[in-house]
Protein backbone atom coordinates (compact mmCIF):
# COMPACT_ATOMS: atom_id res chain seq x y z
CA MET A 1 6.69 3.23 -65.35
CA ALA A 2 9.43 3.06 -62.73
CA ASP A 3 8.74 6.72 -61.99
CA THR A 4 5.06 5.96 -61.16
CA GLU A 5 6.06 3.14 -58.80
CA ALA A 6 8.53 5.41 -57.01
CA LYS A 7 5.82 8.08 -56.51
CA ALA A 8 3.38 5.46 -55.14
CA ALA A 9 6.04 4.03 -52.79
CA LYS A 10 6.68 7.40 -51.11
CA PRO A 11 3.12 7.83 -49.70
CA ARG A 12 3.14 4.19 -48.51
CA ASN A 13 6.45 4.77 -46.73
CA LYS A 14 5.06 7.90 -45.07
CA ILE A 15 1.96 6.05 -43.91
CA ARG A 16 4.10 3.19 -42.60
CA THR A 17 6.36 5.63 -40.76
CA ILE A 18 3.35 7.39 -39.21
CA ARG A 19 1.91 4.02 -38.10
CA ILE A 20 5.19 3.03 -36.50
CA TRP A 21 5.41 6.30 -34.59
CA LEU A 22 1.78 5.98 -33.47
CA TRP A 23 2.54 2.51 -32.11
CA VAL A 24 5.69 3.77 -30.36
CA THR A 25 3.74 6.64 -28.81
CA ALA A 26 0.92 4.32 -27.70
CA LEU A 27 3.42 1.90 -26.16
CA LEU A 28 5.13 4.75 -24.30
CA PHE A 29 1.81 5.88 -22.85
CA ALA A 30 0.94 2.31 -21.87
CA GLY A 31 4.37 1.79 -20.31
CA THR A 32 4.10 5.01 -18.33
CA PHE A 33 0.67 3.98 -17.06
CA PHE A 34 1.82 0.54 -15.92
CA LEU A 35 4.96 1.92 -14.27
CA SER A 36 2.89 4.45 -12.38
CA GLN A 37 0.81 1.58 -11.00
CA CYS A 38 3.93 -0.07 -9.55
CA ALA A 39 4.50 2.65 -6.95
CA MET A 40 2.07 2.50 -4.04
CA SER A 41 0.15 5.58 -3.08
CA LYS A 42 -0.31 6.51 0.56
CA PRO A 43 -3.83 5.00 0.80
CA GLN A 44 -2.61 1.78 -0.81
CA ALA A 45 0.34 1.55 1.59
CA LYS A 46 -1.92 2.22 4.59
CA GLY A 47 -4.30 -0.48 3.38
CA LYS A 48 -1.48 -3.01 3.00
CA ILE A 49 -0.10 -2.29 6.48
CA ILE A 50 -3.54 -2.54 8.11
CA GLU A 51 -4.29 -5.70 6.13
CA ALA A 52 -1.02 -7.25 7.34
CA CYS A 53 -1.93 -6.35 10.92
CA ILE A 54 -5.36 -7.99 10.52
CA LYS A 55 -3.80 -11.16 9.11
CA ASN A 56 -0.95 -11.43 11.64
CA SER A 57 -2.39 -10.22 14.97
CA PRO A 58 -4.33 -13.42 15.75
CA PHE A 59 -1.10 -15.43 15.46
CA ASN A 60 0.69 -13.36 18.11
CA PRO A 61 1.32 -15.74 21.05
CA GLY A 62 -0.01 -13.27 23.63
CA TRP A 63 -3.04 -12.15 21.61
CA GLU A 64 -5.61 -14.43 23.29
CA GLY A 65 -4.38 -13.38 26.72
CA GLU A 66 -4.59 -9.68 25.83
CA LEU A 67 -8.13 -10.14 24.59
CA ALA A 68 -9.14 -12.08 27.70
CA LYS A 69 -7.78 -9.27 29.96
CA HIS A 70 -10.22 -6.88 28.30
CA GLY A 71 -13.14 -9.33 28.19
CA LEU A 72 -12.87 -9.77 24.42
CA THR A 73 -13.08 -12.86 22.27
CA GLN A 74 -11.32 -13.58 19.00
CA SER A 75 -13.35 -12.27 16.06
CA GLN A 76 -12.72 -10.56 12.75
CA ASP A 77 -14.38 -7.34 13.97
CA VAL A 78 -12.18 -7.11 17.06
CA VAL A 79 -9.00 -7.61 15.03
CA GLN A 80 -10.06 -5.19 12.30
CA ASN A 81 -11.09 -2.45 14.74
CA TYR A 82 -7.91 -2.94 16.75
CA CYS A 83 -5.67 -2.67 13.67
CA LEU A 84 -7.49 0.40 12.39
CA CYS A 85 -7.08 2.02 15.80
CA MET A 86 -3.37 1.12 15.99
CA TRP A 87 -2.34 2.17 12.50
CA ASN A 88 -4.81 4.55 10.86
CA ASP A 89 -3.96 7.75 12.76
CA THR A 90 -0.27 6.87 12.97
CA LEU A 91 0.05 6.38 9.22
CA GLU A 92 -2.16 9.36 8.43
CA ALA A 93 0.34 11.61 10.19
CA MET A 94 3.14 10.38 7.89
CA SER A 95 3.76 11.50 4.33
CA ALA A 96 3.91 9.01 1.46
CA ASP A 97 7.71 9.25 1.44
CA GLU A 98 7.88 8.62 5.19
CA ILE A 99 5.67 5.54 4.83
CA LYS A 100 7.89 4.26 2.03
CA ALA A 101 11.00 4.83 4.15
CA PHE A 102 9.25 3.28 7.16
CA SER A 103 8.86 -0.03 5.35
CA GLN A 104 12.63 -0.18 4.81
CA MET A 105 13.67 0.70 8.39
CA ASP A 106 14.92 -1.82 10.91
CA GLY A 107 12.88 -2.60 14.03
CA ALA A 108 14.54 -0.05 16.33
CA ALA A 109 14.14 2.78 13.79
CA LYS A 110 10.47 1.86 13.25
CA LEU A 111 9.86 1.90 16.98
CA GLU A 112 11.54 5.31 17.21
CA LYS A 113 9.38 6.63 14.34
CA LEU A 114 6.24 5.42 16.14
CA GLY A 115 7.16 7.39 19.26
CA GLY A 116 9.04 4.77 21.24
CA GLU A 117 8.11 1.57 23.00
CA GLN A 118 6.02 3.24 25.70
CA ALA A 119 3.91 5.11 23.15
CA VAL A 120 3.25 1.91 21.17
CA VAL A 121 2.31 -0.02 24.33
CA ALA A 122 0.02 2.82 25.45
CA ARG A 123 -1.67 2.90 22.03
CA HIS A 124 -2.03 -0.91 22.14
CA GLN A 125 -3.73 -0.76 25.54
CA GLN A 126 -5.94 2.13 24.45
CA CYS A 127 -7.05 0.33 21.28
CA LEU A 128 -7.88 -2.86 23.19
CA ALA A 129 -9.79 -0.85 25.82
CA GLN A 130 -11.89 0.80 23.09
CA GLN A 131 -13.21 -2.55 21.90
CA LYS A 132 -16.62 -3.64 23.12
CA PRO A 133 -16.47 -6.72 25.37
CA ALA A 134 -18.26 -9.85 24.21
CA SER A 135 -21.74 -10.16 25.67
């Protein structure tokens, strides 16, 4: 009788072991998936930078004056178009690794990466000039 119980216990142990390994494998796949979502892709990083520009530009102290010089008024479309103009091409020229490193640079290094102060000011003026004045 003890022999029959021992034979029945072996298949149950094998099934239990297989279930445990299936769970471990499933958890590893799930963990890998969630970890891969933690790192931002290039489009996600571009989106976050442009979104930050859209949120923060209207709070720049000189923003209203810059808009007025070009005959523009504060609106969501003006800010969005301006930020896309300022950042889209610039970030598109960078690789994903460069964008990641860019976020960790200090202000002077960022300015250097963007082509210097004069290039940023020229791009700023160009992007404001491209906007359509309020009618």
